[in-house]
């Protein structure tokens, strides 16, 4: 787990895909946690400012003291932090748009299939997106003669659990590799064709005003080699840095 930014108040790391942020009953067999690794990196207590799903790689921010943690929480709550993600999604998305669809708060990582449907407990959720590239593979999947995919930059404007994954599923463009909200046929195609067995979603950018110093911070996490290899195979090698 690589350090992306460090000062006396904040630590940002590049969380690998497949690592939980902290210990949880969801996966009792897991022994690696970003919280523990971050604490070991700086030799002091750390306070997670937000969360990333276990299969999602990328920027993860921690406060290094309780006062900064409170300030960061207020900044996130006020919408003062911009997070940007890259994803490979099924199908060809429009050039840009906003997905405005309420989401019920999911209980854990193994969501009920109906969790992305509006209900009395659903809360407002909005995600902006841009389509950075499109690809088509000459392979039949289901009723379609070819398989189409989009490289998507997604910016969540709210902070619901699994928001990007659930929103893209809602518009029928699920993230490839998503075993909870995705399409198993396309997941299998990527495993067979590219050897890809992971979620193709990464938090690549975090922009905020430092809660203590007032400086503007632009924290970036490069895509890992496995993600880049898939993008290259789809003809998107030159687009990988566009969201950053």
Protein backbone atom coordinates (compact mmCIF):
# COMPACT_ATOMS: atom_id res chain seq x y z
CA UNK A 1 0.00 0.00 0.00
CA UNK A 2 1.71 3.14 -1.26
CA UNK A 3 1.67 6.59 0.35
CA UNK A 4 0.26 9.24 -1.99
CA UNK A 5 0.30 12.21 0.42
CA UNK A 6 1.53 12.77 3.97
CA UNK A 7 1.81 15.74 6.32
CA UNK A 8 1.28 16.19 10.07
CA UNK A 9 -2.51 16.12 9.65
CA UNK A 10 -3.38 13.89 6.69
CA UNK A 11 -2.35 10.62 5.09
CA UNK A 12 -3.53 9.43 1.67
CA UNK A 13 -2.72 5.93 0.46
CA UNK A 14 -3.30 3.89 -2.67
CA UNK A 15 -5.46 1.00 -1.44
CA UNK A 16 -5.03 -2.19 -3.47
CA UNK A 17 -8.08 -3.93 -4.88
CA UNK A 18 -9.21 -6.76 -2.58
CA UNK A 19 -8.27 -5.07 0.70
CA UNK A 20 -10.87 -4.13 3.31
CA UNK A 21 -10.61 -0.69 4.89
CA UNK A 22 -11.12 -2.06 8.41
CA UNK A 23 -12.04 -5.26 10.22
CA UNK A 24 -15.65 -6.25 9.72
CA UNK A 25 -17.96 -9.20 10.23
CA UNK A 26 -18.60 -9.27 6.46
CA UNK A 27 -15.35 -11.14 5.82
CA UNK A 28 -14.15 -12.82 9.01
CA UNK A 29 -11.37 -14.68 7.19
CA UNK A 30 -9.63 -11.49 6.00
CA UNK A 31 -6.35 -10.60 7.71
CA UNK A 32 -5.27 -7.52 5.71
CA UNK A 33 -6.82 -4.13 6.46
CA UNK A 34 -6.00 -0.69 5.07
CA UNK A 35 -6.54 0.92 8.47
CA UNK A 36 -3.94 -1.34 10.08
CA UNK A 37 -1.48 -0.92 7.20
CA UNK A 38 -1.87 2.87 7.27
CA UNK A 39 -1.23 2.94 11.02
CA UNK A 40 1.90 0.87 10.51
CA UNK A 41 3.11 3.21 7.76
CA UNK A 42 3.06 6.32 9.98
CA UNK A 43 3.48 4.72 13.42
CA UNK A 44 0.43 6.41 14.92
CA UNK A 45 -3.33 6.22 15.11
CA UNK A 46 -5.23 7.03 11.91
CA UNK A 47 -8.86 8.01 11.34
CA UNK A 48 -10.51 6.96 8.04
CA UNK A 49 -12.25 9.92 6.39
CA UNK A 50 -14.33 7.87 3.94
CA UNK A 51 -14.61 4.33 2.64
CA UNK A 52 -13.79 2.29 -0.42
CA UNK A 53 -15.37 -1.07 -1.14
CA UNK A 54 -13.07 -4.06 -0.71
CA UNK A 55 -12.74 -4.73 -4.48
CA UNK A 56 -12.21 -1.03 -5.34
CA UNK A 57 -8.63 0.24 -5.65
CA UNK A 58 -7.38 3.80 -5.28
CA UNK A 59 -7.17 6.91 -3.12
CA UNK A 60 -8.07 6.45 0.55
CA UNK A 61 -7.74 9.40 2.94
CA UNK A 62 -7.03 9.33 6.69
CA UNK A 63 -6.81 12.03 9.34
CA UNK A 64 -3.96 11.75 11.84
CA UNK A 65 -5.73 13.32 14.83
CA UNK A 66 -9.26 13.62 16.15
CA UNK A 67 -9.65 17.34 15.43
CA UNK A 68 -8.64 16.93 11.78
CA UNK A 69 -10.97 13.93 11.53
CA UNK A 70 -13.89 16.11 12.68
CA UNK A 71 -12.97 18.83 10.17
CA UNK A 72 -12.69 16.28 7.37
CA UNK A 73 -16.06 14.78 8.25
CA UNK A 74 -17.64 18.23 8.02
CA UNK A 75 -15.91 18.86 4.69
CA UNK A 76 -17.20 15.59 3.22
CA UNK A 77 -20.71 16.24 4.58
CA UNK A 78 -20.74 19.71 2.98
CA UNK A 79 -19.73 18.34 -0.42
CA UNK A 80 -16.30 19.94 -0.23
CA UNK A 81 -14.43 16.86 -1.47
CA UNK A 82 -14.48 15.77 -5.12
CA UNK A 83 -13.84 12.09 -5.83
CA UNK A 84 -13.33 10.74 -9.33
CA UNK A 85 -13.34 7.11 -10.41
CA UNK A 86 -12.54 5.17 -13.57
CA UNK A 87 -14.67 2.17 -14.47
CA UNK A 88 -15.15 -0.25 -17.34
CA UNK A 89 -18.88 -0.62 -17.88
CA UNK A 90 -20.97 -2.89 -20.06
CA UNK A 91 -22.45 -1.27 -23.16
CA UNK A 92 -21.95 2.13 -24.80
CA UNK A 93 -22.90 5.02 -22.53
CA UNK A 94 -23.84 8.53 -23.76
CA UNK A 95 -21.03 11.08 -23.85
CA UNK A 96 -22.00 12.51 -20.45
CA UNK A 97 -24.86 12.62 -18.02
CA UNK A 98 -26.11 12.54 -14.44
CA UNK A 99 -27.67 9.49 -12.80
CA UNK A 100 -30.20 10.77 -10.26
CA UNK A 101 -31.64 7.76 -8.49
CA UNK A 102 -32.34 7.32 -4.75
CA UNK A 103 -30.56 4.46 -3.02
CA UNK A 104 -31.42 2.60 0.15
CA UNK A 105 -28.43 2.24 2.45
CA UNK A 106 -27.03 -1.26 1.98
CA UNK A 107 -26.54 -3.35 5.11
CA UNK A 108 -23.21 -4.83 4.03
CA UNK A 109 -21.11 -5.86 1.04
CA UNK A 110 -23.48 -8.67 0.12
CA UNK A 111 -26.43 -6.47 -0.79
CA UNK A 112 -29.92 -7.69 -1.37
CA UNK A 113 -30.70 -7.66 -5.10
CA UNK A 114 -33.46 -5.12 -4.42
CA UNK A 115 -31.21 -2.69 -2.54
CA UNK A 116 -30.83 -0.39 -5.54
CA UNK A 117 -34.59 0.11 -5.91
CA UNK A 118 -36.24 3.23 -4.40
CA UNK A 119 -38.01 2.57 -1.12
CA UNK A 120 -39.24 4.46 1.92
CA UNK A 121 -35.69 4.27 3.29
CA UNK A 122 -33.99 5.38 0.06
CA UNK A 123 -31.93 8.58 0.12
CA UNK A 124 -31.11 11.00 -2.68
CA UNK A 125 -28.10 9.90 -4.73
CA UNK A 126 -26.53 11.57 -7.78
CA UNK A 127 -23.54 10.57 -9.93
CA UNK A 128 -22.05 12.56 -12.81
CA UNK A 129 -20.27 10.65 -15.55
CA UNK A 130 -18.31 11.10 -18.76
CA UNK A 131 -17.71 8.41 -21.35
CA UNK A 132 -14.00 8.57 -22.21
CA UNK A 133 -13.93 5.74 -24.73
CA UNK A 134 -15.92 2.92 -26.30
CA UNK A 135 -14.91 -0.54 -27.50
CA UNK A 136 -16.57 -3.51 -29.17
CA UNK A 137 -15.39 -7.11 -29.09
CA UNK A 138 -16.38 -9.59 -31.83
CA UNK A 139 -17.80 -11.98 -29.26
CA UNK A 140 -21.43 -12.96 -28.78
CA UNK A 141 -22.76 -12.49 -25.26
CA UNK A 142 -26.35 -13.47 -24.61
CA UNK A 143 -28.61 -12.27 -27.43
CA UNK A 144 -26.04 -9.82 -28.78
CA UNK A 145 -23.61 -10.66 -31.60
CA UNK A 146 -20.86 -8.48 -30.12
CA UNK A 147 -19.83 -7.23 -26.68
CA UNK A 148 -19.68 -3.47 -26.12
CA UNK A 149 -17.92 -1.60 -23.32
CA UNK A 150 -17.30 1.96 -22.15
CA UNK A 151 -14.49 3.58 -20.19
CA UNK A 152 -16.30 5.82 -17.71
CA UNK A 153 -15.18 8.65 -15.46
CA UNK A 154 -17.67 8.82 -12.58
CA UNK A 155 -17.97 11.55 -9.95
CA UNK A 156 -20.34 10.77 -7.06
CA UNK A 157 -22.12 13.91 -5.83
CA UNK A 158 -23.44 12.03 -2.79
CA UNK A 159 -21.87 9.31 -0.68
CA UNK A 160 -24.08 6.24 -0.67
CA UNK A 161 -22.61 2.77 -0.27
CA UNK A 162 -21.65 1.18 -3.60
CA UNK A 163 -23.13 4.26 -5.26
CA UNK A 164 -21.30 4.11 -8.60
CA UNK A 165 -21.77 0.35 -8.93
CA UNK A 166 -25.48 0.55 -8.14
CA UNK A 167 -26.10 3.62 -10.29
CA UNK A 168 -24.42 2.10 -13.34
CA UNK A 169 -26.44 -1.07 -12.80
CA UNK A 170 -29.60 1.06 -12.61
CA UNK A 171 -28.95 2.47 -16.12
CA UNK A 172 -28.14 -1.03 -17.44
CA UNK A 173 -24.38 -0.41 -17.71
CA UNK A 174 -22.95 -2.39 -14.77
CA UNK A 175 -19.26 -2.30 -13.92
CA UNK A 176 -17.33 -5.25 -15.33
CA UNK A 177 -16.13 -7.60 -12.59
CA UNK A 178 -18.89 -6.63 -10.15
CA UNK A 179 -20.10 -9.91 -8.67
CA UNK A 180 -22.86 -8.21 -6.65
CA UNK A 181 -24.40 -5.71 -9.09
CA UNK A 182 -22.83 -6.81 -12.37
CA UNK A 183 -23.49 -9.16 -15.27
CA UNK A 184 -21.98 -12.62 -14.80
CA UNK A 185 -21.77 -13.28 -18.55
CA UNK A 186 -19.52 -10.28 -19.14
CA UNK A 187 -17.52 -11.01 -16.00
CA UNK A 188 -16.82 -14.49 -17.38
CA UNK A 189 -15.83 -13.06 -20.75
CA UNK A 190 -13.21 -10.84 -19.12
CA UNK A 191 -11.91 -13.74 -17.02
CA UNK A 192 -11.60 -15.98 -20.08
CA UNK A 193 -10.30 -13.42 -22.57
CA UNK A 194 -8.10 -11.17 -20.39
CA UNK A 195 -7.51 -13.20 -17.22
CA UNK A 196 -9.28 -10.41 -15.33
CA UNK A 197 -10.83 -11.57 -12.06
CA UNK A 198 -11.36 -8.23 -10.33
CA UNK A 199 -13.72 -5.28 -10.23
CA UNK A 200 -12.76 -2.73 -12.88
CA UNK A 201 -13.38 0.32 -10.70
CA UNK A 202 -10.69 2.57 -9.23
CA UNK A 203 -10.70 5.81 -7.23
CA UNK A 204 -8.15 7.80 -9.21
CA UNK A 205 -8.51 11.37 -7.88
CA UNK A 206 -9.41 13.22 -4.69
CA UNK A 207 -9.58 17.05 -4.64
CA UNK A 208 -10.16 19.10 -1.51
CA UNK A 209 -9.09 22.13 0.48
CA UNK A 210 -6.85 21.03 3.34
CA UNK A 211 -9.02 21.24 6.49
CA UNK A 212 -6.17 22.69 8.58
CA UNK A 213 -3.84 24.65 6.27
CA UNK A 214 -6.38 25.78 3.68
CA UNK A 215 -4.16 24.61 0.81
CA UNK A 216 -5.76 22.99 -2.21
CA UNK A 217 -4.85 19.32 -2.52
CA UNK A 218 -5.08 17.25 -5.69
CA UNK A 219 -4.29 13.64 -4.78
CA UNK A 220 -3.90 11.14 -7.60
CA UNK A 221 -3.58 7.35 -7.70
CA UNK A 222 -2.26 5.69 -10.88
CA UNK A 223 -4.08 2.62 -12.12
CA UNK A 224 -2.43 -0.66 -11.19
CA UNK A 225 -0.80 -2.83 -13.85
CA UNK A 226 -3.71 -5.28 -14.10
CA UNK A 227 -6.24 -2.51 -14.74
CA UNK A 228 -3.95 -0.89 -17.32
CA UNK A 229 -3.47 -4.18 -19.14
CA UNK A 230 -7.23 -4.53 -19.61
CA UNK A 231 -7.53 -0.95 -20.86
CA UNK A 232 -4.70 -1.54 -23.32
CA UNK A 233 -6.39 -4.71 -24.60
CA UNK A 234 -9.54 -2.68 -25.25
CA UNK A 235 -7.60 0.02 -27.12
CA UNK A 236 -7.69 2.58 -24.29
CA UNK A 237 -4.03 2.70 -23.29
CA UNK A 238 -3.86 6.44 -24.02
CA UNK A 239 -7.04 7.25 -22.09
CA UNK A 240 -6.09 5.84 -18.69
CA UNK A 241 -4.93 9.20 -17.33
CA UNK A 242 -7.81 11.34 -18.63
CA UNK A 243 -9.76 11.31 -15.38
CA UNK A 244 -6.75 12.46 -13.35
